């Protein structure tokens, strides 16, 4: 019999505890039969809430039941803040953490409970003193100054840009956020339905056009929000946008059909269009990318705390990140390099040419749009964050939607 089983039996005997005490052990120490009595109910974007990933987690962890729901961030936030107890964790984006922490809707996860935390990338632990902490992901996810407890365990991150059809738009025209608002492309551009994203990209474009001078597009003041709202409303009334998209499949279909030829886009959507044999590229905007990170936040009243911790640690183990990496995202753990095919890692992370047969529309010798992780990370304009004037921004967004 293993030493772990003996030690555990001695501990329970000496403490006079019930078998339920095992739920307080670290996820890496929990035996399969102990997790089997728990379930995991997660909600998040389809980026990470994927059936094959959830099935793999269930098989490897021994959690009794695993289920997931895909929905956009604003919808889930509203549902959780209304008091829903339908989920154990929210696979949220860093910018939305303040709304959940102040309402105590989520609770921190201790890094000591994550055996794979030792391989986290520095971008999540080191804060650049030149920028406000809240403007960086490393300043958004921590629940304590000592950096031992996390409001969100990162699972995936990326730097967003503009997806475009190079057969219909030149790279020179597309490599700027102003292209989404250029009258030349009226009726052919698209915006994301998340107001925090839409306002940020509008401000990036307005800065470039000389209409504004906002140092941190992720945290505009009330006056700057008003100016951006006027800009967005005027563009909408002029018929600039083909769609306000919120679903991955919707974005892919609109770009593939040519109904949208330029859109604020996720890079994996661009890859999905290319996989159909249709030309599609990801811009390198002169103003810079928008940085963001998604991760696992534990719902405060979950009865399945150990399952949530096991799920977070699973994401940091390496293998589940292969799926999202090959779609065009990045893993926050360096363990991905140990488990991913070396040639594929070289392409997705190191900016090296594709080697081997065509896959997902990528051909021999192709390079990832934007280059290596290091190159793209150095070209970030700002990270998504919760703006100080959030209520004011949402009021102006409602005006935009009804315009």
Protein backbone atom coordinates (compact mmCIF):
# COMPACT_ATOMS: atom_id res chain seq x y z
CA UNK A 1 0.00 0.00 0.00
CA UNK A 2 1.34 3.46 -0.85
CA UNK A 3 2.72 5.81 1.80
CA UNK A 4 0.07 8.40 0.83
CA UNK A 5 -2.74 6.02 1.79
CA UNK A 6 -1.09 5.16 5.14
CA UNK A 7 -0.44 8.80 6.04
CA UNK A 8 -3.96 9.79 5.12
CA UNK A 9 -5.47 7.01 7.28
CA UNK A 10 -3.33 8.03 10.24
CA UNK A 11 -4.33 11.65 9.83
CA UNK A 12 -8.05 10.85 9.73
CA UNK A 13 -7.77 8.55 12.70
CA UNK A 14 -5.85 11.03 14.85
CA UNK A 15 -8.15 13.88 13.96
CA UNK A 16 -11.30 11.86 14.43
CA UNK A 17 -12.47 13.31 11.14
CA UNK A 18 -15.01 12.05 8.68
CA UNK A 19 -14.09 10.92 5.19
CA UNK A 20 -15.30 14.28 3.91
CA UNK A 21 -12.13 15.85 5.29
CA UNK A 22 -10.37 14.66 2.16
CA UNK A 23 -12.00 17.43 0.22
CA UNK A 24 -9.55 19.85 1.85
CA UNK A 25 -6.47 18.15 0.42
CA UNK A 26 -4.54 19.58 -2.50
CA UNK A 27 -5.91 18.61 -5.94
CA UNK A 28 -2.69 16.82 -6.84
CA UNK A 29 -3.08 14.59 -3.76
CA UNK A 30 -6.72 13.74 -4.17
CA UNK A 31 -7.38 10.16 -5.19
CA UNK A 32 -9.77 9.45 -8.06
CA UNK A 33 -12.46 8.08 -5.74
CA UNK A 34 -12.49 11.31 -3.74
CA UNK A 35 -13.04 13.50 -6.82
CA UNK A 36 -15.58 11.04 -8.17
CA UNK A 37 -18.15 12.39 -5.73
CA UNK A 38 -17.76 15.91 -7.14
CA UNK A 39 -18.86 17.46 -10.40
CA UNK A 40 -17.64 20.35 -12.49
CA UNK A 41 -20.10 22.77 -14.10
CA UNK A 42 -18.25 25.41 -16.05
CA UNK A 43 -19.34 28.34 -18.20
CA UNK A 44 -17.27 30.43 -20.60
CA UNK A 45 -16.55 31.15 -24.23
CA UNK A 46 -16.36 28.35 -26.78
CA UNK A 47 -12.65 29.20 -26.92
CA UNK A 48 -12.02 26.99 -23.88
CA UNK A 49 -15.36 25.31 -23.15
CA UNK A 50 -14.89 22.52 -25.68
CA UNK A 51 -16.35 19.04 -25.36
CA UNK A 52 -13.10 17.25 -26.19
CA UNK A 53 -11.23 19.21 -23.51
CA UNK A 54 -13.93 18.59 -20.90
CA UNK A 55 -14.04 14.88 -21.74
CA UNK A 56 -10.26 14.65 -21.42
CA UNK A 57 -10.36 16.42 -18.05
CA UNK A 58 -13.04 14.06 -16.78
CA UNK A 59 -11.04 11.01 -17.85
CA UNK A 60 -7.77 12.24 -16.33
CA UNK A 61 -9.14 13.74 -13.11
CA UNK A 62 -11.78 11.21 -12.14
CA UNK A 63 -14.33 13.95 -11.42
CA UNK A 64 -17.73 12.29 -11.37
CA UNK A 65 -19.55 14.54 -13.82
CA UNK A 66 -18.35 17.33 -16.09
CA UNK A 67 -20.48 19.76 -18.09
CA UNK A 68 -19.94 23.09 -19.80
CA UNK A 69 -21.91 25.92 -21.34
CA UNK A 70 -20.61 28.42 -23.89
CA UNK A 71 -21.83 32.01 -23.68
CA UNK A 72 -20.43 35.50 -24.09
CA UNK A 73 -18.92 37.35 -21.12
CA UNK A 74 -21.62 40.02 -20.61
CA UNK A 75 -24.40 37.41 -20.54
CA UNK A 76 -22.60 35.20 -18.04
CA UNK A 77 -21.69 38.11 -15.81
CA UNK A 78 -25.34 39.17 -15.64
CA UNK A 79 -26.43 35.62 -14.86
CA UNK A 80 -23.89 35.15 -12.07
CA UNK A 81 -24.52 38.53 -10.48
CA UNK A 82 -28.24 37.72 -10.39
CA UNK A 83 -27.41 34.93 -7.94
CA UNK A 84 -27.27 31.88 -10.20
CA UNK A 85 -25.81 28.76 -8.59
CA UNK A 86 -25.74 26.77 -11.84
CA UNK A 87 -21.94 26.75 -12.13
CA UNK A 88 -18.84 25.94 -10.14
CA UNK A 89 -16.46 28.11 -12.14
CA UNK A 90 -16.50 30.84 -14.73
CA UNK A 91 -13.88 30.82 -17.47
CA UNK A 92 -13.79 34.57 -17.56
CA UNK A 93 -11.57 37.30 -18.94
CA UNK A 94 -9.34 39.34 -16.66
CA UNK A 95 -11.09 42.62 -17.33
CA UNK A 96 -14.30 41.41 -15.68
CA UNK A 97 -12.80 40.34 -12.37
CA UNK A 98 -13.46 43.59 -10.46
CA UNK A 99 -17.23 43.24 -10.86
CA UNK A 100 -17.06 39.75 -9.41
CA UNK A 101 -14.65 40.40 -6.56
CA UNK A 102 -16.47 43.43 -5.17
CA UNK A 103 -19.72 41.44 -5.08
CA UNK A 104 -17.93 38.39 -3.63
CA UNK A 105 -19.33 36.28 -6.46
CA UNK A 106 -15.97 34.50 -6.79
CA UNK A 107 -13.30 33.50 -4.28
CA UNK A 108 -9.52 33.15 -4.65
CA UNK A 109 -7.61 29.99 -5.50
CA UNK A 110 -4.33 29.45 -3.63
CA UNK A 111 -1.31 28.84 -5.88
CA UNK A 112 -0.22 26.20 -3.35
CA UNK A 113 -3.16 24.13 -4.59
CA UNK A 114 -1.82 24.18 -8.15
CA UNK A 115 1.11 21.83 -8.61
CA UNK A 116 1.67 23.15 -12.15
CA UNK A 117 1.86 26.81 -11.17
CA UNK A 118 5.66 26.70 -11.13
CA UNK A 119 5.72 26.93 -14.94
CA UNK A 120 3.58 30.06 -15.34
CA UNK A 121 4.93 32.66 -17.76
CA UNK A 122 6.42 35.84 -16.20
CA UNK A 123 3.82 38.00 -17.96
CA UNK A 124 1.36 36.86 -15.25
CA UNK A 125 3.61 37.52 -12.27
CA UNK A 126 5.78 40.50 -13.20
CA UNK A 127 4.35 44.02 -13.37
CA UNK A 128 5.92 46.73 -15.50
CA UNK A 129 6.44 49.77 -13.21
CA UNK A 130 5.96 52.10 -16.19
CA UNK A 131 2.28 51.17 -16.48
CA UNK A 132 -0.63 51.15 -14.00
CA UNK A 133 -0.99 47.68 -12.49
CA UNK A 134 -4.63 47.51 -13.57
CA UNK A 135 -3.52 48.03 -17.17
CA UNK A 136 -1.61 44.74 -17.12
CA UNK A 137 -2.82 41.20 -16.66
CA UNK A 138 -0.31 40.70 -13.81
CA UNK A 139 -2.08 43.49 -11.94
CA UNK A 140 -5.57 42.06 -12.42
CA UNK A 141 -5.47 38.41 -11.37
CA UNK A 142 -3.98 38.54 -7.85
CA UNK A 143 -6.05 38.61 -4.66
CA UNK A 144 -3.13 39.51 -2.37
CA UNK A 145 0.05 41.58 -2.53
CA UNK A 146 2.19 38.54 -1.78
CA UNK A 147 0.86 36.94 -4.99
CA UNK A 148 -0.16 33.66 -3.40
CA UNK A 149 -3.88 33.73 -4.19
CA UNK A 150 -5.51 34.14 -7.59
CA UNK A 151 -8.86 35.58 -8.55
CA UNK A 152 -8.37 33.86 -11.87
CA UNK A 153 -6.05 31.02 -12.87
CA UNK A 154 -4.95 31.87 -16.46
CA UNK A 155 -5.68 29.22 -19.08
CA UNK A 156 -5.27 31.02 -22.41
CA UNK A 157 -4.21 34.44 -23.67
CA UNK A 158 -3.68 36.27 -26.92
CA UNK A 159 -3.26 39.60 -28.63
CA UNK A 160 -6.25 40.61 -30.73
CA UNK A 161 -6.20 42.34 -34.06
CA UNK A 162 -8.15 42.64 -37.30
CA UNK A 163 -9.10 39.68 -39.44
CA UNK A 164 -9.30 40.53 -43.12
CA UNK A 165 -9.66 39.05 -46.57
CA UNK A 166 -6.36 39.78 -48.41
CA UNK A 167 -8.05 39.02 -51.73
CA UNK A 168 -10.37 41.97 -51.07
CA UNK A 169 -8.30 44.28 -48.82
CA UNK A 170 -4.58 44.99 -48.94
CA UNK A 171 -2.36 44.46 -45.91
CA UNK A 172 -1.46 48.15 -45.97
CA UNK A 173 -5.14 49.07 -45.68
CA UNK A 174 -5.83 46.47 -42.98
CA UNK A 175 -2.85 47.07 -40.68
CA UNK A 176 -4.55 49.84 -38.69
CA UNK A 177 -7.57 49.96 -36.39
CA UNK A 178 -8.90 52.83 -38.49
CA UNK A 179 -9.73 50.35 -41.27
CA UNK A 180 -12.80 49.15 -39.37
CA UNK A 181 -14.23 52.65 -39.60
CA UNK A 182 -13.01 53.61 -43.07
CA UNK A 183 -15.89 54.72 -45.34
CA UNK A 184 -14.19 52.81 -48.16
CA UNK A 185 -15.35 49.60 -46.45
CA UNK A 186 -18.85 50.74 -45.48
CA UNK A 187 -21.19 47.83 -44.78
CA UNK A 188 -18.32 45.33 -44.83
CA UNK A 189 -16.78 45.62 -41.34
CA UNK A 190 -17.65 44.04 -38.02
CA UNK A 191 -17.38 44.80 -34.30
CA UNK A 192 -17.43 42.51 -31.27
CA UNK A 193 -20.56 42.78 -29.10
CA UNK A 194 -18.53 43.23 -25.89
CA UNK A 195 -18.72 46.99 -25.15
CA UNK A 196 -15.34 47.06 -23.40
CA UNK A 197 -13.74 45.68 -26.56
CA UNK A 198 -15.67 47.89 -28.98
CA UNK A 199 -14.89 51.12 -27.13
CA UNK A 200 -11.21 50.22 -26.83
CA UNK A 201 -10.78 49.63 -30.53
CA UNK A 202 -12.75 52.76 -31.41
CA UNK A 203 -10.43 54.79 -29.18
CA UNK A 204 -7.35 53.20 -30.78
CA UNK A 205 -8.68 54.27 -34.18
CA UNK A 206 -9.60 57.76 -32.97
CA UNK A 207 -6.12 58.22 -31.50
CA UNK A 208 -4.65 57.30 -34.86
CA UNK A 209 -7.01 59.66 -36.69
CA UNK A 210 -6.08 62.54 -34.37
CA UNK A 211 -9.58 62.73 -32.89
CA UNK A 212 -8.48 61.71 -29.39
CA UNK A 213 -5.29 61.30 -27.39
CA UNK A 214 -6.06 58.61 -24.81
CA UNK A 215 -2.96 57.16 -23.15
CA UNK A 216 -4.72 54.01 -21.96
CA UNK A 217 -7.55 53.02 -24.34
CA UNK A 218 -8.69 50.42 -21.82
CA UNK A 219 -9.56 53.05 -19.21
CA UNK A 220 -10.96 56.20 -20.85
CA UNK A 221 -12.50 58.96 -18.74
CA UNK A 222 -16.12 60.06 -19.09
CA UNK A 223 -15.39 62.75 -21.66
CA UNK A 224 -13.35 60.34 -23.79
CA UNK A 225 -16.13 57.76 -23.57
CA UNK A 226 -18.62 60.37 -24.78
CA UNK A 227 -16.45 61.20 -27.78
CA UNK A 228 -15.97 57.53 -28.64
CA UNK A 229 -19.72 56.92 -28.32
CA UNK A 230 -20.49 59.77 -30.74
CA UNK A 231 -17.98 58.29 -33.17
CA UNK A 232 -19.46 54.79 -32.92
CA UNK A 233 -23.05 56.01 -33.23
CA UNK A 234 -22.25 58.11 -36.29
CA UNK A 235 -20.55 55.15 -37.96
CA UNK A 236 -23.45 52.86 -37.17
CA UNK A 237 -26.00 55.30 -38.56
CA UNK A 238 -23.93 55.62 -41.72
CA UNK A 239 -24.14 51.84 -42.23
CA UNK A 240 -20.46 51.16 -41.57
CA UNK A 241 -20.94 47.79 -39.85
CA UNK A 242 -22.17 44.59 -41.42
CA UNK A 243 -22.60 42.99 -38.01
CA UNK A 244 -21.96 43.12 -34.29
CA UNK A 245 -20.72 39.59 -33.78
CA UNK A 246 -20.48 37.63 -30.58
CA UNK A 247 -20.24 34.04 -31.72
CA UNK A 248 -17.13 32.37 -33.13
CA UNK A 249 -19.07 30.53 -35.81
CA UNK A 250 -20.86 33.70 -36.83
CA UNK A 251 -17.55 35.51 -37.27
CA UNK A 252 -16.09 32.69 -39.34
CA UNK A 253 -19.15 32.51 -41.60
CA UNK A 254 -19.27 36.27 -42.21
CA UNK A 255 -15.57 36.43 -43.12
CA UNK A 256 -15.71 33.28 -45.24
CA UNK A 257 -18.73 34.50 -47.19
CA UNK A 258 -17.18 37.92 -47.81
CA UNK A 259 -20.10 39.68 -46.15
CA UNK A 260 -17.45 41.09 -43.81
CA UNK A 261 -14.01 41.75 -45.25
CA UNK A 262 -12.58 43.42 -42.12
CA UNK A 263 -13.47 42.68 -38.51
CA UNK A 264 -12.21 42.90 -34.99
CA UNK A 265 -11.40 39.21 -34.80
CA UNK A 266 -9.93 36.30 -32.89
CA UNK A 267 -6.96 34.79 -34.68
CA UNK A 268 -8.41 31.26 -34.50
CA UNK A 269 -11.42 32.48 -36.49
CA UNK A 270 -9.02 33.63 -39.19
CA UNK A 271 -7.41 30.19 -39.12
CA UNK A 272 -10.83 28.56 -39.41
CA UNK A 273 -11.57 30.60 -42.54
CA UNK A 274 -8.20 29.62 -44.03
CA UNK A 275 -8.96 25.98 -43.28
CA UNK A 276 -11.87 26.30 -45.73
CA UNK A 277 -9.42 27.20 -48.48
CA UNK A 278 -10.39 30.90 -48.34
CA UNK A 279 -7.77 33.62 -48.08
CA UNK A 280 -7.81 35.26 -44.65
CA UNK A 281 -5.08 37.08 -42.72
CA UNK A 282 -4.51 38.66 -39.32
CA UNK A 283 -3.35 42.25 -39.32
CA UNK A 284 -0.39 43.71 -37.45
CA UNK A 285 -1.98 47.08 -36.54
CA UNK A 286 0.39 50.01 -36.38
CA UNK A 287 -1.32 51.17 -33.17
CA UNK A 288 -0.67 47.83 -31.45
CA UNK A 289 -2.64 44.78 -30.31
CA UNK A 290 -5.18 44.41 -27.53
CA UNK A 291 -3.93 41.95 -24.92
CA UNK A 292 -6.24 39.70 -22.92
CA UNK A 293 -6.26 36.53 -20.85
CA UNK A 294 -9.00 34.07 -19.98
CA UNK A 295 -8.87 31.94 -16.86
CA UNK A 296 -10.78 29.97 -14.28
CA UNK A 297 -12.50 31.77 -11.41
CA UNK A 298 -14.07 29.76 -8.63
CA UNK A 299 -17.69 30.62 -7.81
CA UNK A 300 -17.86 31.47 -4.11
CA UNK A 301 -20.71 29.13 -3.21
CA UNK A 302 -19.60 26.09 -5.22
CA UNK A 303 -19.95 22.72 -3.46
CA UNK A 304 -17.28 21.35 -5.82
CA UNK A 305 -14.22 23.33 -4.80
CA UNK A 306 -11.69 20.54 -5.35
CA UNK A 307 -13.04 19.83 -8.83
CA UNK A 308 -12.53 23.49 -9.75
CA UNK A 309 -8.94 23.44 -8.50
CA UNK A 310 -8.29 20.21 -10.37
CA UNK A 311 -9.69 21.74 -13.54
CA UNK A 312 -7.50 24.84 -13.19
CA UNK A 313 -4.42 22.69 -12.58
CA UNK A 314 -5.32 20.49 -15.55
CA UNK A 315 -5.20 23.52 -17.84
CA UNK A 316 -1.71 24.35 -16.57
CA UNK A 317 -0.46 20.79 -17.13
CA UNK A 318 0.31 21.35 -20.82
CA UNK A 319 -1.71 18.88 -22.94
CA UNK A 320 -5.06 20.75 -22.97
CA UNK A 321 -3.23 23.82 -24.21
CA UNK A 322 -2.23 21.99 -27.39
CA UNK A 323 -5.80 22.28 -28.66
CA UNK A 324 -6.05 26.05 -28.18
CA UNK A 325 -2.45 26.66 -29.29
CA UNK A 326 -3.12 24.99 -32.63
CA UNK A 327 -6.11 27.28 -33.05
CA UNK A 328 -3.95 30.38 -32.65
CA UNK A 329 -4.01 31.16 -28.91
CA UNK A 330 -1.20 30.99 -26.36
CA UNK A 331 -0.85 28.91 -23.20
CA UNK A 332 0.21 30.70 -19.99
CA UNK A 333 2.31 27.69 -18.95
CA UNK A 334 5.72 26.91 -20.42
CA UNK A 335 4.87 23.20 -20.04
CA UNK A 336 3.25 23.43 -23.47
CA UNK A 337 6.71 23.25 -25.03
CA UNK A 338 7.32 19.88 -23.36
CA UNK A 339 4.23 18.24 -24.80
CA UNK A 340 3.56 19.95 -28.14
CA UNK A 341 5.04 18.71 -31.41
CA UNK A 342 8.36 20.64 -31.76
CA UNK A 343 7.65 21.76 -35.33
CA UNK A 344 4.21 23.02 -34.38
CA UNK A 345 5.54 24.78 -31.30
CA UNK A 346 8.17 26.44 -33.48
CA UNK A 347 5.44 27.75 -35.80
CA UNK A 348 2.88 28.88 -33.24
CA UNK A 349 5.21 30.23 -30.55
CA UNK A 350 8.59 30.98 -32.12
CA UNK A 351 7.60 32.51 -35.45
CA UNK A 352 9.34 29.83 -37.53
CA UNK A 353 8.13 28.51 -40.91
CA UNK A 354 5.57 25.72 -41.03
CA UNK A 355 7.14 22.33 -41.64
CA UNK A 356 5.27 19.37 -43.06
CA UNK A 357 1.98 18.79 -44.89
CA UNK A 358 -0.78 21.40 -45.12
CA UNK A 359 -2.91 21.63 -42.01
CA UNK A 360 -5.79 24.02 -41.20
CA UNK A 361 -4.97 25.99 -44.31
CA UNK A 362 -1.29 26.39 -43.31
CA UNK A 363 1.13 25.36 -46.03
CA UNK A 364 4.83 24.46 -46.05
CA UNK A 365 6.92 27.57 -45.40
CA UNK A 366 4.04 29.72 -44.08
CA UNK A 367 4.68 32.03 -41.11
CA UNK A 368 2.26 32.91 -38.34
CA UNK A 369 0.80 36.38 -38.89
CA UNK A 370 2.53 38.74 -36.46
CA UNK A 371 5.52 36.51 -35.78
CA UNK A 372 6.60 34.91 -32.51
CA UNK A 373 5.00 35.25 -29.08
CA UNK A 374 7.85 37.54 -28.07
CA UNK A 375 7.34 39.79 -31.10
CA UNK A 376 3.60 40.04 -30.63
CA UNK A 377 3.86 40.63 -26.88
CA UNK A 378 6.19 43.58 -27.53
CA UNK A 379 3.57 45.18 -29.78
CA UNK A 380 0.66 45.42 -27.33
CA UNK A 381 -1.14 48.76 -27.11
CA UNK A 382 -3.00 47.86 -23.91
CA UNK A 383 -4.53 44.97 -21.97
CA UNK A 384 -8.26 44.68 -21.49
CA UNK A 385 -9.28 46.05 -18.11
CA UNK A 386 -12.29 47.15 -16.10
CA UNK A 387 -12.63 50.92 -16.71
CA UNK A 388 -13.12 53.32 -13.81
CA UNK A 389 -16.11 54.79 -15.66
CA UNK A 390 -17.74 51.43 -16.41
CA UNK A 391 -21.33 52.51 -15.68
CA UNK A 392 -20.92 55.58 -17.88
CA UNK A 393 -19.47 53.46 -20.68
CA UNK A 394 -22.36 50.98 -20.53
CA UNK A 395 -24.91 53.80 -20.65
CA UNK A 396 -23.25 55.10 -23.82
CA UNK A 397 -23.09 51.58 -25.25
CA UNK A 398 -26.84 51.20 -24.78
CA UNK A 399 -27.27 54.41 -26.75
CA UNK A 400 -25.09 52.94 -29.49
CA UNK A 401 -27.14 49.74 -29.63
CA UNK A 402 -30.43 51.63 -29.89
CA UNK A 403 -29.12 54.13 -32.48
